[in-house]
Protein backbone atom coordinates (compact mmCIF):
# COMPACT_ATOMS: atom_id res chain seq x y z
CA UNK A 1 4.49 -2.59 16.15
CA UNK A 2 3.23 -0.43 13.30
CA UNK A 3 2.99 -1.43 9.64
CA UNK A 4 6.26 0.26 8.64
CA UNK A 5 8.12 -1.70 11.33
CA UNK A 6 6.47 -4.91 10.15
CA UNK A 7 7.63 -4.27 6.58
CA UNK A 8 11.19 -3.76 7.79
CA UNK A 9 10.97 -6.90 9.94
CA UNK A 10 9.83 -8.88 6.86
CA UNK A 11 12.79 -7.63 4.83
CA UNK A 12 15.15 -8.61 7.66
CA UNK A 13 13.60 -12.10 7.69
CA UNK A 14 14.32 -12.32 3.95
CA UNK A 15 17.95 -11.30 4.60
CA UNK A 16 17.59 -8.20 2.45
CA UNK A 17 20.97 -6.45 2.30
CA UNK A 18 20.19 -3.30 0.32
CA UNK A 19 17.21 -1.27 -0.91
CA UNK A 20 17.39 1.15 -3.83
CA UNK A 21 14.86 3.93 -3.86
CA UNK A 22 13.63 7.47 -3.62
CA UNK A 23 11.87 9.28 -0.80
CA UNK A 24 8.43 10.88 -0.60
CA UNK A 25 5.77 11.46 2.04
CA UNK A 26 3.69 8.40 1.14
CA UNK A 27 6.66 6.08 1.76
CA UNK A 28 8.29 8.02 4.60
CA UNK A 29 7.04 5.83 7.49
CA UNK A 30 8.91 2.93 5.86
CA UNK A 31 12.11 4.94 5.27
CA UNK A 32 11.94 6.15 8.87
CA UNK A 33 11.87 2.64 10.31
CA UNK A 34 14.59 1.35 8.01
CA UNK A 35 16.99 3.55 9.99
CA UNK A 36 16.67 1.10 12.90
CA UNK A 37 18.17 -1.75 10.88
CA UNK A 38 21.45 -2.70 9.20
CA UNK A 39 19.83 -2.73 5.76
CA UNK A 40 21.80 -0.50 3.40
CA UNK A 41 19.80 2.16 1.57
CA UNK A 42 20.84 3.71 -1.74
CA UNK A 43 19.19 6.94 -2.87
CA UNK A 44 19.07 6.91 -6.65
CA UNK A 45 18.31 10.05 -8.67
CA UNK A 46 15.25 8.95 -10.64
CA UNK A 47 12.86 6.15 -9.77
CA UNK A 48 13.20 4.08 -12.95
CA UNK A 49 16.83 3.50 -12.04
CA UNK A 50 15.89 2.11 -8.63
CA UNK A 51 14.49 -0.93 -10.43
CA UNK A 52 17.52 -1.13 -12.75
CA UNK A 53 19.88 -1.00 -9.74
CA UNK A 54 17.84 -3.71 -8.01
CA UNK A 55 17.96 -5.75 -11.24
CA UNK A 56 21.76 -5.53 -11.45
CA UNK A 57 21.99 -6.48 -7.77
CA UNK A 58 19.68 -9.48 -8.27
CA UNK A 59 21.49 -10.75 -11.33
CA UNK A 60 24.91 -10.70 -9.66
CA UNK A 61 23.92 -11.72 -6.12
CA UNK A 62 21.38 -14.38 -7.08
CA UNK A 63 19.03 -12.84 -4.51
CA UNK A 64 15.81 -10.88 -4.89
CA UNK A 65 16.42 -7.19 -5.61
CA UNK A 66 14.37 -4.67 -3.63
CA UNK A 67 13.39 -1.10 -4.50
CA UNK A 68 11.00 1.34 -2.86
CA UNK A 69 9.50 4.64 -4.01
CA UNK A 70 6.66 6.97 -3.16
CA UNK A 71 3.15 7.20 -4.64
CA UNK A 72 1.95 8.90 -7.82
CA UNK A 73 4.83 9.95 -10.08
CA UNK A 74 7.31 8.01 -7.95
CA UNK A 75 5.41 4.81 -8.63
CA UNK A 76 4.68 5.54 -12.30
CA UNK A 77 8.33 6.43 -12.94
CA UNK A 78 9.21 2.97 -11.67
CA UNK A 79 7.11 1.20 -14.33
CA UNK A 80 9.79 1.11 -17.06
CA UNK A 81 12.25 -0.48 -14.64
CA UNK A 82 9.65 -3.04 -13.57
CA UNK A 83 8.79 -3.84 -17.19
CA UNK A 84 12.50 -4.24 -18.00
CA UNK A 85 12.90 -6.75 -15.15
CA UNK A 86 9.74 -8.59 -16.19
CA UNK A 87 10.91 -8.99 -19.79
CA UNK A 88 14.17 -10.59 -18.60
CA UNK A 89 12.64 -12.59 -15.71
CA UNK A 90 14.61 -10.81 -12.96
CA UNK A 91 13.33 -11.31 -9.38
CA UNK A 92 12.38 -7.96 -7.80
CA UNK A 93 10.21 -6.67 -4.99
CA UNK A 94 8.94 -3.19 -5.81
CA UNK A 95 7.46 -1.40 -2.80
CA UNK A 96 5.36 1.68 -3.46
CA UNK A 97 3.80 4.11 -1.03
CA UNK A 98 0.12 4.97 -1.57
CA UNK A 99 -2.34 7.61 -0.36
CA UNK A 100 -4.50 6.82 2.68
CA UNK A 101 -6.82 3.84 2.20
CA UNK A 102 -10.00 5.90 2.56
CA UNK A 103 -8.86 8.28 -0.17
CA UNK A 104 -8.07 5.66 -2.82
CA UNK A 105 -10.18 6.30 -5.88
CA UNK A 106 -10.90 9.96 -5.13
CA UNK A 107 -8.08 11.41 -7.29
CA UNK A 108 -6.27 13.04 -4.39
CA UNK A 109 -2.75 14.48 -4.60
CA UNK A 110 -0.18 11.96 -5.92
CA UNK A 111 -2.64 9.12 -6.22
CA UNK A 112 -2.07 6.59 -9.01
CA UNK A 113 -3.53 3.14 -9.47
CA UNK A 114 -0.12 1.51 -9.65
CA UNK A 115 -1.35 -2.08 -9.19
CA UNK A 116 -3.60 -1.60 -12.21
CA UNK A 117 -0.90 0.20 -14.20
CA UNK A 118 1.69 -2.60 -13.83
CA UNK A 119 -0.71 -5.50 -14.29
CA UNK A 120 0.91 -6.70 -17.53
CA UNK A 121 4.49 -6.19 -16.24
CA UNK A 122 4.52 -8.11 -12.95
CA UNK A 123 4.14 -11.70 -11.84
CA UNK A 124 1.74 -10.47 -9.17
CA UNK A 125 0.78 -7.32 -7.30
CA UNK A 126 -0.67 -6.54 -3.89
CA UNK A 127 -2.50 -3.57 -2.43
CA UNK A 128 -2.29 -3.98 1.35
CA UNK A 129 -5.48 -2.92 3.12
CA UNK A 130 -5.03 -4.71 6.45
CA UNK A 131 -1.85 -4.09 8.43
CA UNK A 132 -1.96 -7.63 9.85
CA UNK A 133 -1.57 -9.06 6.34
CA UNK A 134 1.94 -7.62 5.90
CA UNK A 135 3.94 -10.71 7.03
CA UNK A 136 1.95 -13.11 4.84
CA UNK A 137 2.02 -10.85 1.80
CA UNK A 138 5.77 -10.25 1.97
CA UNK A 139 6.46 -13.95 2.38
CA UNK A 140 4.30 -14.70 -0.64
CA UNK A 141 5.83 -11.88 -2.68
CA UNK A 142 9.42 -13.05 -2.18
CA UNK A 143 8.38 -16.63 -2.92
CA UNK A 144 6.59 -15.68 -6.14
CA UNK A 145 9.41 -13.39 -7.30
CA UNK A 146 12.17 -15.97 -6.85
CA UNK A 147 10.55 -19.25 -7.93
CA UNK A 148 9.36 -20.69 -11.20
CA UNK A 149 9.93 -18.17 -13.94
CA UNK A 150 11.34 -15.36 -11.83
CA UNK A 151 10.11 -11.80 -12.06
CA UNK A 152 8.98 -8.63 -10.29
CA UNK A 153 6.23 -8.45 -7.68
CA UNK A 154 4.75 -5.09 -6.64
CA UNK A 155 3.50 -4.29 -3.13
CA UNK A 156 1.48 -1.07 -2.80
CA UNK A 157 1.12 0.15 0.81
CA UNK A 158 -1.14 3.07 1.79
CA UNK A 159 0.29 5.65 4.17
CA UNK A 160 -2.24 4.86 6.92
CA UNK A 161 -1.47 1.13 6.74
CA UNK A 162 2.22 1.90 7.28
CA UNK A 163 1.27 3.89 10.38
CA UNK A 164 -1.40 1.50 11.72
CA UNK A 165 -0.70 -0.69 14.76
CA UNK A 166 -0.79 -4.45 14.29
CA UNK A 167 -3.60 -6.01 16.33
CA UNK A 168 -2.06 -9.46 15.99
CA UNK A 169 1.39 -10.54 17.10
CA UNK A 170 3.94 -10.25 14.31
CA UNK A 171 4.82 -13.69 13.00
CA UNK A 172 6.74 -14.20 9.78
CA UNK A 173 5.74 -17.48 8.05
CA UNK A 174 8.51 -20.07 7.88
CA UNK A 175 7.05 -21.81 4.84
CA UNK A 176 4.64 -20.92 2.12
CA UNK A 177 2.04 -22.96 0.27
CA UNK A 178 -0.15 -21.23 -2.28
CA UNK A 179 -2.89 -23.35 -3.81
CA UNK A 180 -2.92 -21.32 -7.03
CA UNK A 181 0.87 -21.14 -7.48
CA UNK A 182 2.96 -24.30 -7.53
CA UNK A 183 5.88 -24.01 -9.97
CA UNK A 184 7.46 -27.19 -11.31
CA UNK A 185 11.06 -27.80 -10.25
CA UNK A 186 11.83 -31.38 -11.20
CA UNK A 187 11.56 -32.42 -14.82
CA UNK A 188 9.50 -35.43 -15.89
CA UNK A 189 11.85 -38.42 -15.79
CA UNK A 190 10.29 -40.04 -18.87
CA UNK A 191 10.89 -36.88 -20.90
CA UNK A 192 14.44 -36.60 -19.53
CA UNK A 193 15.23 -40.15 -20.70
CA UNK A 194 13.78 -39.34 -24.12
CA UNK A 195 16.12 -36.35 -24.44
CA UNK A 196 19.16 -38.43 -23.50
CA UNK A 197 18.24 -41.02 -26.18
CA UNK A 198 17.83 -38.28 -28.79
CA UNK A 199 21.29 -36.90 -27.96
CA UNK A 200 22.70 -40.41 -28.45
CA UNK A 201 20.94 -40.79 -31.82
CA UNK A 202 21.67 -37.32 -33.18
CA UNK A 203 24.46 -36.61 -35.64
CA UNK A 204 24.18 -32.82 -35.49
CA UNK A 205 22.86 -31.80 -32.05
CA UNK A 206 23.06 -28.24 -30.78
CA UNK A 207 22.13 -26.47 -27.54
CA UNK A 208 20.71 -22.92 -27.65
CA UNK A 209 20.87 -21.32 -24.22
CA UNK A 210 18.89 -18.35 -22.95
CA UNK A 211 18.82 -16.26 -19.80
CA UNK A 212 17.07 -19.03 -17.87
CA UNK A 213 20.41 -20.84 -17.56
CA UNK A 214 21.84 -17.90 -15.58
CA UNK A 215 18.68 -17.50 -13.49
CA UNK A 216 18.78 -21.17 -12.55
CA UNK A 217 22.50 -21.05 -11.72
CA UNK A 218 23.02 -23.92 -14.17
CA UNK A 219 26.05 -22.73 -16.13
CA UNK A 220 28.42 -25.36 -14.69
CA UNK A 221 25.97 -28.17 -15.38
CA UNK A 222 25.40 -26.95 -18.92
CA UNK A 223 29.13 -26.85 -19.70
CA UNK A 224 29.68 -30.31 -18.21
CA UNK A 225 26.87 -31.79 -20.28
CA UNK A 226 28.06 -30.14 -23.50
CA UNK A 227 31.65 -31.29 -22.91
CA UNK A 228 30.58 -34.83 -21.98
CA UNK A 229 28.72 -35.28 -25.27
CA UNK A 230 30.66 -32.93 -27.59
CA UNK A 231 27.52 -30.90 -28.20
CA UNK A 232 28.09 -27.37 -29.60
CA UNK A 233 26.38 -24.42 -27.93
CA UNK A 234 24.91 -21.17 -29.24
CA UNK A 235 23.10 -18.53 -27.21
CA UNK A 236 20.44 -15.85 -27.29
CA UNK A 237 21.44 -12.37 -26.15
CA UNK A 238 20.41 -13.14 -22.57
CA UNK A 239 22.31 -16.42 -22.61
CA UNK A 240 25.69 -14.82 -23.38
CA UNK A 241 28.24 -15.92 -20.78
CA UNK A 242 26.54 -19.22 -19.95
CA UNK A 243 29.58 -20.73 -21.65
CA UNK A 244 32.89 -18.81 -21.96
CA UNK A 245 33.11 -17.02 -25.32
CA UNK A 246 36.38 -18.69 -26.25
CA UNK A 247 35.23 -22.22 -25.34
CA UNK A 248 35.81 -24.56 -28.33
CA UNK A 249 32.18 -25.70 -28.19
CA UNK A 250 30.69 -22.17 -28.20
CA UNK A 251 29.62 -20.74 -31.55
CA UNK A 252 28.19 -17.34 -30.67
CA UNK A 253 24.87 -15.57 -30.49
CA UNK A 254 21.94 -16.43 -32.79
CA UNK A 255 19.29 -14.12 -34.17
CA UNK A 256 18.97 -11.06 -36.38
CA UNK A 257 22.07 -9.50 -34.81
CA UNK A 258 23.90 -12.75 -34.18
CA UNK A 259 26.60 -14.65 -35.99
CA UNK A 260 25.73 -16.05 -39.41
CA UNK A 261 27.51 -19.31 -38.59
CA UNK A 262 25.57 -19.62 -35.30
CA UNK A 263 22.26 -19.31 -37.17
CA UNK A 264 23.47 -21.80 -39.79
CA UNK A 265 24.48 -24.24 -37.10
CA UNK A 266 21.04 -24.07 -35.51
CA UNK A 267 19.27 -24.42 -38.87
CA UNK A 268 21.36 -27.43 -39.98
CA UNK A 269 21.13 -29.31 -36.66
CA UNK A 270 19.06 -32.48 -36.45
CA UNK A 271 18.48 -32.05 -32.72
CA UNK A 272 17.92 -28.65 -31.12
CA UNK A 273 17.83 -28.27 -27.33
CA UNK A 274 16.30 -24.88 -26.60
CA UNK A 275 17.18 -24.25 -22.94
CA UNK A 276 15.74 -21.39 -20.88
CA UNK A 277 14.96 -19.28 -23.95
CA UNK A 278 11.66 -17.82 -25.08
CA UNK A 279 12.07 -18.47 -28.81
CA UNK A 280 11.16 -14.82 -29.35
CA UNK A 281 11.58 -12.83 -32.57
CA UNK A 282 14.97 -11.29 -31.76
CA UNK A 283 16.59 -14.71 -31.46
CA UNK A 284 14.36 -16.68 -33.85
CA UNK A 285 12.47 -14.64 -36.43
CA UNK A 286 11.40 -17.70 -38.46
CA UNK A 287 10.32 -20.42 -35.97
CA UNK A 288 9.31 -22.73 -38.82
CA UNK A 289 12.93 -22.86 -40.02
CA UNK A 290 14.39 -24.04 -36.74
CA UNK A 291 11.92 -26.94 -36.44
CA UNK A 292 12.28 -28.16 -40.01
CA UNK A 293 13.77 -31.64 -40.33
CA UNK A 294 14.83 -31.86 -36.73
CA UNK A 295 13.85 -32.95 -33.26
CA UNK A 296 13.27 -29.95 -31.04
CA UNK A 297 13.46 -30.13 -27.25
CA UNK A 298 12.25 -27.07 -25.34
CA UNK A 299 13.32 -26.92 -21.69
CA UNK A 300 11.89 -24.15 -19.54
CA UNK A 301 10.62 -23.62 -16.01
CA UNK A 302 7.62 -21.72 -17.38
CA UNK A 303 5.12 -24.08 -19.08
CA UNK A 304 3.50 -21.10 -20.80
CA UNK A 305 6.66 -20.55 -22.87
CA UNK A 306 6.76 -24.07 -24.24
CA UNK A 307 4.83 -24.20 -27.49
CA UNK A 308 4.01 -20.48 -27.44
CA UNK A 309 6.05 -19.57 -30.52
CA UNK A 310 7.13 -22.96 -31.80
CA UNK A 311 5.91 -26.49 -31.18
CA UNK A 312 8.56 -28.76 -29.64
CA UNK A 313 8.91 -32.48 -30.30
CA UNK A 314 9.76 -33.01 -26.63
CA UNK A 315 8.53 -30.45 -24.09
CA UNK A 316 10.32 -30.53 -20.74
CA UNK A 317 9.14 -28.34 -17.88
CA UNK A 318 11.30 -27.76 -14.83
CA UNK A 319 14.23 -25.95 -13.26
CA UNK A 320 17.19 -26.11 -15.64
CA UNK A 321 19.78 -26.85 -12.94
CA UNK A 322 17.74 -29.80 -11.71
CA UNK A 323 17.16 -31.11 -15.23
CA UNK A 324 20.82 -30.91 -16.28
CA UNK A 325 21.85 -32.61 -13.03
CA UNK A 326 19.47 -35.43 -14.01
CA UNK A 327 20.99 -35.53 -17.50
CA UNK A 328 24.46 -35.90 -16.00
CA UNK A 329 23.37 -38.64 -13.61
CA UNK A 330 21.40 -40.67 -16.15
CA UNK A 331 23.68 -40.27 -19.16
CA UNK A 332 25.86 -43.35 -18.62
CA UNK A 333 28.21 -42.89 -21.56
CA UNK A 334 29.56 -39.89 -23.50
CA UNK A 335 28.45 -39.32 -27.09
CA UNK A 336 30.91 -38.38 -29.83
CA UNK A 337 29.84 -35.46 -32.03
CA UNK A 338 33.34 -34.22 -32.86
CA UNK A 339 32.75 -34.47 -36.63
CA UNK A 340 29.83 -32.04 -36.31
CA UNK A 341 31.89 -29.70 -34.13
CA UNK A 342 34.64 -29.65 -36.75
CA UNK A 343 32.07 -28.83 -39.44
CA UNK A 344 30.91 -25.84 -37.38
CA UNK A 345 34.49 -24.67 -36.90
CA UNK A 346 34.76 -24.66 -40.68
CA UNK A 347 31.57 -22.57 -40.96
CA UNK A 348 32.93 -20.18 -38.37
CA UNK A 349 36.11 -19.66 -40.35
CA UNK A 350 34.50 -19.26 -43.78
CA UNK A 351 31.60 -17.05 -42.60
CA UNK A 352 33.60 -14.52 -40.60
CA UNK A 353 32.44 -10.99 -41.26
CA UNK A 354 35.07 -8.37 -42.09
CA UNK A 355 34.22 -4.84 -41.04
CA UNK A 356 34.72 -1.89 -43.33
CA UNK A 357 37.91 0.13 -42.69
CA UNK A 358 37.41 2.89 -40.12
CA UNK A 359 37.63 6.55 -41.14
CA UNK A 360 40.56 8.54 -39.81
CA UNK A 361 40.10 9.92 -36.32
CA UNK A 362 37.70 7.18 -35.21
CA UNK A 363 38.02 3.90 -33.34
CA UNK A 364 36.86 0.57 -34.77
CA UNK A 365 34.21 -0.74 -32.30
CA UNK A 366 35.28 -4.34 -32.85
CA UNK A 367 38.91 -3.56 -32.12
CA UNK A 368 38.05 -1.50 -29.06
CA UNK A 369 35.68 -4.05 -27.46
CA UNK A 370 38.06 -6.93 -28.11
CA UNK A 371 40.87 -4.88 -26.56
CA UNK A 372 38.69 -3.96 -23.58
CA UNK A 373 37.79 -7.65 -23.10
CA UNK A 374 41.44 -8.62 -23.28
CA UNK A 375 42.56 -6.25 -20.51
CA UNK A 376 39.54 -6.65 -18.22
CA UNK A 377 39.84 -9.10 -15.33
CA UNK A 378 38.73 -12.65 -16.07
CA UNK A 379 35.81 -12.47 -13.63
CA UNK A 380 34.73 -8.93 -14.47
CA UNK A 381 31.11 -7.84 -14.93
CA UNK A 382 30.38 -6.24 -18.33
CA UNK A 383 27.09 -4.33 -18.58
CA UNK A 384 26.01 -3.36 -22.10
CA UNK A 385 23.40 -0.72 -22.70
CA UNK A 386 21.00 -0.69 -25.67
CA UNK A 387 21.69 0.36 -29.26
CA UNK A 388 24.70 -0.19 -31.49
CA UNK A 389 26.94 -0.50 -28.40
CA UNK A 390 24.84 -3.50 -27.33
CA UNK A 391 25.14 -5.28 -30.67
CA UNK A 392 28.89 -4.61 -30.83
CA UNK A 393 29.22 -5.84 -27.23
CA UNK A 394 27.31 -9.05 -27.98
CA UNK A 395 29.42 -9.69 -31.06
CA UNK A 396 32.89 -8.84 -29.78
CA UNK A 397 33.04 -8.96 -25.98
CA UNK A 398 34.85 -12.08 -24.78
CA UNK A 399 33.24 -13.43 -21.61
CA UNK A 400 35.82 -15.41 -19.64
CA UNK A 401 34.68 -16.28 -16.10
CA UNK A 402 32.64 -13.13 -15.57
CA UNK A 403 29.12 -11.99 -16.37
CA UNK A 404 27.49 -10.15 -19.26
CA UNK A 405 24.39 -8.13 -18.40
CA UNK A 406 22.08 -6.23 -20.70
CA UNK A 407 18.41 -5.38 -21.22
CA UNK A 408 17.40 -8.06 -23.70
CA UNK A 409 13.61 -8.37 -23.73
CA UNK A 410 12.61 -4.72 -23.33
CA UNK A 411 15.72 -3.05 -24.79
CA UNK A 412 15.66 -0.20 -22.29
CA UNK A 413 18.13 2.62 -22.96
CA UNK A 414 19.86 3.92 -19.84
CA UNK A 415 19.90 0.49 -18.18
CA UNK A 416 23.63 -0.08 -17.97
CA UNK A 417 24.87 2.49 -15.43
CA UNK A 418 22.25 1.82 -12.72
CA UNK A 419 22.47 -1.95 -13.32
CA UNK A 420 26.26 -1.69 -13.01
CA UNK A 421 25.82 0.16 -9.70
CA UNK A 422 23.59 -2.66 -8.44
CA UNK A 423 26.05 -5.29 -9.65
CA UNK A 424 29.00 -3.55 -7.97
CA UNK A 425 27.11 -3.25 -4.67
CA UNK A 426 26.26 -6.96 -4.90
CA UNK A 427 29.92 -7.89 -5.38
CA UNK A 428 32.22 -4.98 -4.44
CA UNK A 429 35.40 -6.91 -5.25
CA UNK A 430 34.46 -7.40 -8.89
CA UNK A 431 35.61 -5.09 -11.66
CA UNK A 432 32.48 -3.61 -13.27
CA UNK A 433 32.41 -1.90 -16.66
CA UNK A 434 29.32 -0.28 -18.21
CA UNK A 435 29.39 0.26 -21.97
CA UNK A 436 26.88 2.81 -23.24
CA UNK A 437 26.12 5.09 -26.17
CA UNK A 438 26.15 8.87 -25.90
CA UNK A 439 22.35 8.95 -26.27
CA UNK A 440 21.65 6.45 -23.48
CA UNK A 441 24.28 8.11 -21.27
CA UNK A 442 22.17 11.25 -21.16
CA UNK A 443 19.22 9.16 -19.96
CA UNK A 444 20.99 7.99 -16.82
CA UNK A 445 23.97 10.26 -16.17
CA UNK A 446 22.24 11.60 -13.08
CA UNK A 447 23.32 8.35 -11.38
CA UNK A 448 26.93 9.55 -11.40
CA UNK A 449 25.85 11.37 -8.24
CA UNK A 450 24.69 8.06 -6.73
CA UNK A 451 28.07 6.54 -7.54
CA UNK A 452 29.82 9.46 -5.89
CA UNK A 453 27.61 9.53 -2.79
CA UNK A 454 28.08 5.84 -2.03
CA UNK A 455 31.64 5.39 -3.32
CA UNK A 456 30.59 2.93 -6.04
CA UNK A 457 33.64 2.54 -8.26
CA UNK A 458 32.62 1.50 -11.76
CA UNK A 459 34.10 2.26 -15.16
CA UNK A 460 31.89 3.77 -17.86
CA UNK A 461 32.75 3.50 -21.55
CA UNK A 462 30.81 5.90 -23.78
CA UNK A 463 30.69 4.94 -27.47
CA UNK A 464 30.26 8.44 -28.84
CA UNK A 465 29.03 8.95 -32.40
CA UNK A 466 26.70 11.94 -32.05
CA UNK A 467 23.64 9.94 -33.07
CA UNK A 468 21.04 7.54 -31.77
CA UNK A 469 23.10 5.05 -33.71
CA UNK A 470 20.80 2.04 -33.95
CA UNK A 471 17.84 4.10 -35.18
CA UNK A 472 20.12 6.06 -37.54
CA UNK A 473 21.31 2.76 -38.98
CA UNK A 474 17.72 1.66 -39.51
CA UNK A 475 16.87 4.96 -41.21
CA UNK A 476 20.00 4.61 -43.36
CA UNK A 477 18.75 1.24 -44.64
CA UNK A 478 14.99 1.77 -44.63
CA UNK A 479 14.69 5.43 -45.62
CA UNK A 480 17.79 5.99 -47.78
CA UNK A 481 19.58 8.27 -45.30
CA UNK A 482 16.52 10.41 -44.66
CA UNK A 483 17.28 11.02 -40.98
CA UNK A 484 14.71 12.17 -38.45
CA UNK A 485 15.06 12.66 -34.68
CA UNK A 486 18.39 10.87 -34.40
CA UNK A 487 21.12 13.52 -34.41
CA UNK A 488 22.39 14.45 -30.95
CA UNK A 489 23.25 18.15 -31.00
CA UNK A 490 24.00 20.17 -27.89
CA UNK A 491 25.76 17.29 -26.14
CA UNK A 492 27.52 18.21 -22.90
CA UNK A 493 31.29 18.27 -22.54
CA UNK A 494 31.78 14.86 -20.94
CA UNK A 495 35.25 15.77 -19.65
CA UNK A 496 33.63 18.51 -17.56
CA UNK A 497 30.91 16.13 -16.36
CA UNK A 498 33.60 13.71 -15.20
CA UNK A 499 35.39 16.54 -13.43
CA UNK A 500 32.18 17.72 -11.79
CA UNK A 501 31.63 14.27 -10.25
CA UNK A 502 35.28 13.70 -9.30
CA UNK A 503 35.80 10.99 -11.91
CA UNK A 504 38.80 10.14 -14.05
CA UNK A 505 38.40 11.03 -17.72
CA UNK A 506 39.97 9.36 -20.74
CA UNK A 507 39.31 9.66 -24.47
CA UNK A 508 40.48 7.49 -27.35
CA UNK A 509 40.28 8.21 -31.06
CA UNK A 510 41.88 6.77 -34.16
CA UNK A 511 45.27 8.13 -33.15
CA UNK A 512 45.30 6.69 -29.64
CA UNK A 513 47.15 3.69 -28.32
CA UNK A 514 43.88 2.00 -27.35
CA UNK A 515 45.31 -0.84 -25.29
CA UNK A 516 47.66 1.37 -23.29
CA UNK A 517 44.93 3.95 -22.59
CA UNK A 518 42.38 1.29 -21.64
CA UNK A 519 44.80 -0.33 -19.21
CA UNK A 520 45.38 3.08 -17.59
CA UNK A 521 41.63 3.67 -17.45
CA UNK A 522 40.88 0.35 -15.75
CA UNK A 523 43.85 0.67 -13.40
CA UNK A 524 42.84 4.13 -12.14
CA UNK A 525 41.64 3.94 -8.52
CA UNK A 526 38.80 6.35 -9.21
CA UNK A 527 35.52 5.77 -10.99
CA UNK A 528 36.09 6.82 -14.56
CA UNK A 529 34.64 7.66 -17.93
CA UNK A 530 36.30 6.74 -21.19
CA UNK A 531 34.92 8.28 -24.38
CA UNK A 532 35.49 6.20 -27.49
CA UNK A 533 35.10 8.23 -30.67
CA UNK A 534 33.12 6.17 -33.19
CA UNK A 535 32.39 7.04 -36.80
CA UNK A 536 28.84 8.53 -36.90
CA UNK A 537 28.12 6.39 -39.97
CA UNK A 538 29.45 3.12 -38.49
CA UNK A 539 27.18 0.09 -38.85
CA UNK A 540 26.70 -2.85 -36.51
CA UNK A 541 27.98 -5.26 -39.16
């Protein structure tokens, strides 16, 4: 058995279903041996999107996403996708080819120190020097990626190691025990009891959920706990969908781009349970405000996050699903916070924002996204890109029993289409819609070819305003309409792009019957693009 075969055997042992990637000589031994397996391979059109596809796959399947590319520019192109996964704690294995071991460090053709380059964007990285280490390293890599605070692990494999013959019998470890890496799963029972007592005592408790709730698979437990004790819930951007948007206890997204009444609810609470959220600037730009005159509980699987940006009254380290199961078992009577919930409903009604009327010939983003949400299937997957479309999606998309994906921590433009491809491959029966701006679309439209090659049927909504809208909005406010590097001129004719890739094409403007056209768009058997004409001067609020 040679190294490339050993790698493939490791992936089979991890029940890997699909690998997203790009070819190249330095990774060719691996791609050659993958042909002897049932593992599906998906050739993307630029390496960054291999990681985004793997991210979408991981987030929908609950498994570790896998991508593989060649050395040099193939590996360096992957970095943005790795960093995007790292920022949102998505479990990935990124495999990179490398030049021959004896040439490392001599600046030969397509050599790049990829393990050094990604050091701050991975949980761990490996450069394999000994072919016999492959089984152990892959076992460790999958374990590290998918435990504790999840994230990407990079494995760099020189060409000669892929071709070398194992001198020891291949044996894939059944278990793993790493002395330097032992993530906490179970929460401290004393701290758990303290939290339950604080919920009983509190008059105005609130739960703020982050992406960790999804990663732990704890959405059901969270909803049960909130309903049991009448505790209202708000979310960060990554926590959207942990509770259905129309649930009577859900009060929207917090933060700079969140709902005013959600921020007020968090500020006025006397008990704040921060669950699986980093307390970063986008969700909480004034940490001192959210801790003032209240008990704060911070629950996270990563002990490094607790106390990093704000000091909690009660820190609680552990897997969220385990902790909320303990809450439900130990909480022997429900608590009544209905008066507080009614107060928040009043805030929600009085603090509703009313958007400016839309100019003729354009579509109101709020109206469109609410209409799209209404006609999408209840369990659909909605993938928002980055920019104004993301903020509108967070504000107006109604998550029912589906999922909401976006690039929260890194804010990577061009994320939505490849992530949607990964999500659709993970669950082919789900309806998948990617919502993207016309700027970000041109960063990833090459993946329309990937969709066509592999028959991946997703729907793409392009919010077209002819600008890099989020930056234009900032320049409108900060520089008094002195615009620089934001106007998109020379855009392609998207109807012709759709035709070129065999996709359905729809367009709605201010004169369209939006609901009727959107129903047609979603019902079309083909992959499709719908262009939504948005006022170039539209604001996010």
